[in-house]
Amino acid sequence: MRGVRERGVWSEMSILKIDEIRKMSERELVEELERLQRDLIRERSMVATGGTPENPGRIREIRRTIARIKTVLRERELLSEGEKRR
């Protein structure tokens, strides 16, 4: 997994490029999707309770990465359905 250096320490970064997502197995995608959804809940709850997020753009990054993963999962689902019909 990629990381980014924040405040002197390495932390995991949520952004995955579409080509990285396409290289992942379905199991990896589902695991990553679940992890990102937990991160999104955590970030949103922090904001809702009046806390200030370390990175204000992180919620947007997480949401977009979740959308990318769901898109790839759906593409694979449609591809497998198309192959079954043949």
C-alpha atoms as a PDB file:
ATOM      1  CA  MET A   1       0.000   0.000   0.000  1.00  0.00           C
ATOM      2  CA  ARG A   2       1.087   3.513  -0.614  1.00  0.00           C
ATOM      3  CA  GLY A   3       1.687   5.981   2.161  1.00  0.00           C
ATOM      4  CA  VAL A   4       2.217   9.667   2.627  1.00  0.00           C
ATOM      5  CA  ARG A   5       4.426  11.490   5.065  1.00  0.00           C
ATOM      6  CA  GLU A   6       2.387  13.681   7.398  1.00  0.00           C
ATOM      7  CA  ARG A   7       3.878  15.577  10.322  1.00  0.00           C
ATOM      8  CA  GLY A   8       7.015  13.487  10.308  1.00  0.00           C
ATOM      9  CA  VAL A   9       5.319  10.066  10.296  1.00  0.00           C
ATOM     10  CA  TRP A  10       4.108   7.799   7.520  1.00  0.00           C
ATOM     11  CA  SER A  11       0.383   7.238   7.363  1.00  0.00           C
ATOM     12  CA  GLU A  12      -1.717   5.224   4.989  1.00  0.00           C
ATOM     13  CA  MET A  13      -3.282   7.203   2.186  1.00  0.00           C
ATOM     14  CA  SER A  14      -6.787   6.476   0.964  1.00  0.00           C
ATOM     15  CA  ILE A  15      -6.351   7.483  -2.629  1.00  0.00           C
ATOM     16  CA  LEU A  16      -5.988   4.599  -5.028  1.00  0.00           C
ATOM     17  CA  LYS A  17      -5.675   5.208  -8.719  1.00  0.00           C
ATOM     18  CA  ILE A  18      -8.067   3.339 -10.994  1.00  0.00           C
ATOM     19  CA  ASP A  19      -5.269   1.229 -12.500  1.00  0.00           C
ATOM     20  CA  GLU A  20      -4.192   0.150  -8.989  1.00  0.00           C
ATOM     21  CA  ILE A  21      -7.778  -0.784  -8.159  1.00  0.00           C
ATOM     22  CA  ARG A  22      -8.161  -2.820 -11.356  1.00  0.00           C
ATOM     23  CA  LYS A  23      -5.067  -4.873 -10.427  1.00  0.00           C
ATOM     24  CA  MET A  24      -6.575  -5.905  -7.085  1.00  0.00           C
ATOM     25  CA  SER A  25      -8.462  -9.163  -6.587  1.00  0.00           C
ATOM     26  CA  GLU A  26     -12.151  -9.090  -5.713  1.00  0.00           C
ATOM     27  CA  ARG A  27     -11.365 -10.101  -2.142  1.00  0.00           C
ATOM     28  CA  GLU A  28      -8.839  -7.272  -1.800  1.00  0.00           C
ATOM     29  CA  LEU A  29     -11.371  -4.815  -3.223  1.00  0.00           C
ATOM     30  CA  VAL A  30     -14.052  -5.853  -0.748  1.00  0.00           C
ATOM     31  CA  GLU A  31     -11.601  -5.614   2.170  1.00  0.00           C
ATOM     32  CA  GLU A  32     -10.398  -2.182   1.039  1.00  0.00           C
ATOM     33  CA  LEU A  33     -13.990  -1.019   0.552  1.00  0.00           C
ATOM     34  CA  GLU A  34     -14.910  -2.070   4.096  1.00  0.00           C
ATOM     35  CA  ARG A  35     -11.826  -0.355   5.527  1.00  0.00           C
ATOM     36  CA  LEU A  36     -12.573   2.867   3.656  1.00  0.00           C
ATOM     37  CA  GLN A  37     -16.204   2.839   4.764  1.00  0.00           C
ATOM     38  CA  ARG A  38     -15.039   2.530   8.398  1.00  0.00           C
ATOM     39  CA  ASP A  39     -12.582   5.403   7.838  1.00  0.00           C
ATOM     40  CA  LEU A  40     -15.350   7.533   6.343  1.00  0.00           C
ATOM     41  CA  ILE A  41     -17.620   6.910   9.333  1.00  0.00           C
ATOM     42  CA  ARG A  42     -14.762   7.795  11.691  1.00  0.00           C
ATOM     43  CA  GLU A  43     -13.953  11.015   9.820  1.00  0.00           C
ATOM     44  CA  ARG A  44     -17.600  12.078   9.623  1.00  0.00           C
ATOM     45  CA  SER A  45     -18.191  11.386  13.311  1.00  0.00           C
ATOM     46  CA  MET A  46     -15.137  13.470  14.197  1.00  0.00           C
ATOM     47  CA  VAL A  47     -16.560  16.407  12.249  1.00  0.00           C
ATOM     48  CA  ALA A  48     -20.062  15.871  13.680  1.00  0.00           C
ATOM     49  CA  THR A  49     -18.776  16.025  17.252  1.00  0.00           C
ATOM     50  CA  GLY A  50     -17.088  19.334  16.586  1.00  0.00           C
ATOM     51  CA  GLY A  51     -13.579  18.057  16.007  1.00  0.00           C
ATOM     52  CA  THR A  52     -11.318  19.417  13.334  1.00  0.00           C
ATOM     53  CA  PRO A  53     -10.063  16.852  10.836  1.00  0.00           C
ATOM     54  CA  GLU A  54      -6.304  16.708  10.282  1.00  0.00           C
ATOM     55  CA  ASN A  55      -6.877  16.749   6.549  1.00  0.00           C
ATOM     56  CA  PRO A  56     -10.128  18.448   5.516  1.00  0.00           C
ATOM     57  CA  GLY A  57      -9.978  16.934   2.024  1.00  0.00           C
ATOM     58  CA  ARG A  58      -9.725  13.380   3.337  1.00  0.00           C
ATOM     59  CA  ILE A  59     -13.500  12.811   3.410  1.00  0.00           C
ATOM     60  CA  ARG A  60     -13.701  13.709  -0.273  1.00  0.00           C
ATOM     61  CA  GLU A  61     -10.728  11.455  -1.083  1.00  0.00           C
ATOM     62  CA  ILE A  62     -12.307   8.535   0.758  1.00  0.00           C
ATOM     63  CA  ARG A  63     -15.687   9.014  -0.948  1.00  0.00           C
ATOM     64  CA  ARG A  64     -14.092   9.112  -4.394  1.00  0.00           C
ATOM     65  CA  THR A  65     -11.983   6.028  -3.727  1.00  0.00           C
ATOM     66  CA  ILE A  66     -15.079   4.163  -2.515  1.00  0.00           C
ATOM     67  CA  ALA A  67     -16.831   5.146  -5.753  1.00  0.00           C
ATOM     68  CA  ARG A  68     -13.886   3.904  -7.837  1.00  0.00           C
ATOM     69  CA  ILE A  69     -13.878   0.540  -6.059  1.00  0.00           C
ATOM     70  CA  LYS A  70     -17.636   0.134  -6.457  1.00  0.00           C
ATOM     71  CA  THR A  71     -17.327   0.993 -10.154  1.00  0.00           C
ATOM     72  CA  VAL A  72     -14.685  -1.690 -10.726  1.00  0.00           C
ATOM     73  CA  LEU A  73     -16.718  -4.268  -8.777  1.00  0.00           C
ATOM     74  CA  ARG A  74     -19.789  -3.465 -10.883  1.00  0.00           C
ATOM     75  CA  GLU A  75     -17.783  -3.655 -14.130  1.00  0.00           C
ATOM     76  CA  ARG A  76     -16.553  -7.107 -13.141  1.00  0.00           C
ATOM     77  CA  GLU A  77     -20.089  -8.172 -12.234  1.00  0.00           C
ATOM     78  CA  LEU A  78     -21.416  -7.050 -15.605  1.00  0.00           C
ATOM     79  CA  LEU A  79     -18.526  -8.714 -17.408  1.00  0.00           C
ATOM     80  CA  SER A  80     -19.196 -12.042 -15.706  1.00  0.00           C
ATOM     81  CA  GLU A  81     -22.920 -11.767 -16.503  1.00  0.00           C
ATOM     82  CA  GLY A  82     -22.097 -11.133 -20.153  1.00  0.00           C
ATOM     83  CA  GLU A  83     -19.869 -14.202 -20.263  1.00  0.00           C
ATOM     84  CA  LYS A  84     -22.613 -16.375 -18.726  1.00  0.00           C
ATOM     85  CA  ARG A  85     -25.073 -15.350 -21.428  1.00  0.00           C
ATOM     86  CA  ARG A  86     -22.823 -16.546 -24.221  1.00  0.00           C
END
